[in-house]
Amino acid sequence: MNAGQHVGGYDVVVVGGGIVGAAIAFGVAERGKRVAVLDEGDRACRAARANFGLVWLQSKGDGMPAYMRWTRRSADLWPAFAQRLRTFTGVDTEFRQDGGLVY
């Protein structure tokens, strides 16, 4: 396939419909591209089950400052993203940044 060709009428195919894959697909669609999401369904063991879609900051980037900055930036952007989703879908994601503590 050559660059610029479309697969099945789609510009982009995202594999995985968890929180991260769905966010990527949403962003691609917002930019006017036709996007398909391929997902195994609810029985899939998605990465977001373990890492909360990278919105949990505690212990992120220990010894890796670049990863810490990337994670912090991602968490800072989530409230605006959640509002865009609510405006677009009418659904409140109920995203909260209440904090956490692990002993």
Protein backbone atom coordinates (compact mmCIF):
# COMPACT_ATOMS: atom_id res chain seq x y z
CA MET A 1 0.00 0.00 0.00
CA ASN A 2 1.29 3.46 -0.85
CA ALA A 3 1.27 6.47 1.47
CA GLY A 4 -2.02 8.31 1.19
CA GLN A 5 -4.03 5.22 0.24
CA HIS A 6 -7.09 4.41 2.30
CA VAL A 7 -7.90 1.03 3.83
CA GLY A 8 -11.58 0.17 3.55
CA GLY A 9 -12.48 3.85 3.28
CA TYR A 10 -10.68 4.74 6.52
CA ASP A 11 -7.73 7.08 6.89
CA VAL A 12 -6.59 5.57 10.20
CA VAL A 13 -7.17 2.27 11.99
CA VAL A 14 -6.71 2.19 15.77
CA VAL A 15 -6.16 -1.22 17.36
CA GLY A 16 -7.66 -1.27 20.84
CA GLY A 17 -10.74 0.55 22.07
CA GLY A 18 -9.72 1.12 25.68
CA ILE A 19 -9.35 4.59 27.10
CA VAL A 20 -6.10 5.31 25.25
CA GLY A 21 -7.22 3.86 21.88
CA ALA A 22 -10.58 5.59 22.11
CA ALA A 23 -8.90 8.91 22.94
CA ILE A 24 -6.60 8.56 19.94
CA ALA A 25 -9.53 7.69 17.67
CA PHE A 26 -11.50 10.68 18.97
CA GLY A 27 -8.58 13.03 18.29
CA VAL A 28 -8.13 11.65 14.78
CA ALA A 29 -11.85 12.04 14.05
CA GLU A 30 -11.81 15.61 15.39
CA ARG A 31 -9.19 16.36 12.77
CA GLY A 32 -11.56 15.28 10.01
CA LYS A 33 -10.15 11.83 9.34
CA ARG A 34 -12.24 8.67 8.96
CA VAL A 35 -11.18 6.30 11.71
CA ALA A 36 -11.97 2.67 12.48
CA VAL A 37 -11.44 1.18 15.94
CA LEU A 38 -10.72 -2.55 16.19
CA ASP A 39 -11.37 -3.92 19.66
CA GLU A 40 -11.72 -7.34 21.23
CA GLY A 41 -14.64 -6.27 23.37
CA ASP A 42 -15.34 -6.30 27.10
CA ARG A 43 -13.53 -9.58 27.72
CA ALA A 44 -10.20 -8.02 26.69
CA CYS A 45 -7.69 -7.31 29.43
CA ARG A 46 -6.95 -3.72 28.50
CA ALA A 47 -3.94 -1.77 29.68
CA ALA A 48 -6.26 0.91 31.10
CA ARG A 49 -7.47 -1.60 33.70
CA ALA A 50 -4.01 -1.59 35.20
CA ASN A 51 -2.81 1.96 34.64
CA PHE A 52 -6.02 4.03 34.65
CA GLY A 53 -5.28 5.39 31.17
CA LEU A 54 -2.09 7.07 32.45
CA VAL A 55 -4.00 9.61 34.54
CA TRP A 56 -2.68 8.32 37.88
CA LEU A 57 0.49 10.27 38.69
CA GLN A 58 1.85 8.64 41.80
CA SER A 59 5.24 7.01 41.26
CA LYS A 60 5.29 7.92 37.58
CA GLY A 61 8.72 8.74 36.29
CA ASP A 62 10.82 7.74 39.30
CA GLY A 63 14.31 8.07 37.85
CA MET A 64 12.84 9.04 34.46
CA PRO A 65 12.24 12.82 34.43
CA ALA A 66 11.08 12.91 30.79
CA TYR A 67 8.35 10.33 31.53
CA MET A 68 7.32 12.27 34.63
CA ARG A 69 6.94 15.49 32.61
CA TRP A 70 4.96 13.67 29.90
CA THR A 71 2.64 12.11 32.49
CA ARG A 72 2.17 15.45 34.30
CA ARG A 73 1.30 17.16 31.00
CA SER A 74 -1.18 14.39 30.16
CA ALA A 75 -2.91 14.76 33.53
CA ASP A 76 -3.04 18.54 33.12
CA LEU A 77 -4.77 18.15 29.73
CA TRP A 78 -7.42 15.65 30.91
CA PRO A 79 -9.96 18.15 32.34
CA ALA A 80 -10.24 20.00 29.01
CA PHE A 81 -10.41 16.70 27.14
CA ALA A 82 -13.16 15.43 29.46
CA GLN A 83 -15.12 18.65 28.81
CA ARG A 84 -14.73 18.24 25.03
CA LEU A 85 -16.07 14.69 25.32
CA ARG A 86 -19.02 15.90 27.41
CA THR A 87 -19.82 18.63 24.89
CA PHE A 88 -19.55 16.20 21.97
CA THR A 89 -21.38 13.21 23.51
CA GLY A 90 -23.47 14.62 26.35
CA VAL A 91 -21.83 12.06 28.65
CA ASP A 92 -19.92 13.07 31.79
CA THR A 93 -16.79 10.92 32.08
CA GLU A 94 -16.81 11.68 35.81
CA PHE A 95 -13.08 12.32 35.65
CA ARG A 96 -11.80 13.56 39.00
CA GLN A 97 -8.33 14.54 40.15
CA ASP A 98 -8.90 13.97 43.85
CA GLY A 99 -5.44 12.63 44.61
CA GLY A 100 -4.36 9.42 46.23
CA LEU A 101 -2.07 7.99 48.83
CA VAL A 102 -0.28 4.65 48.97
CA TYR A 103 1.63 3.58 52.10
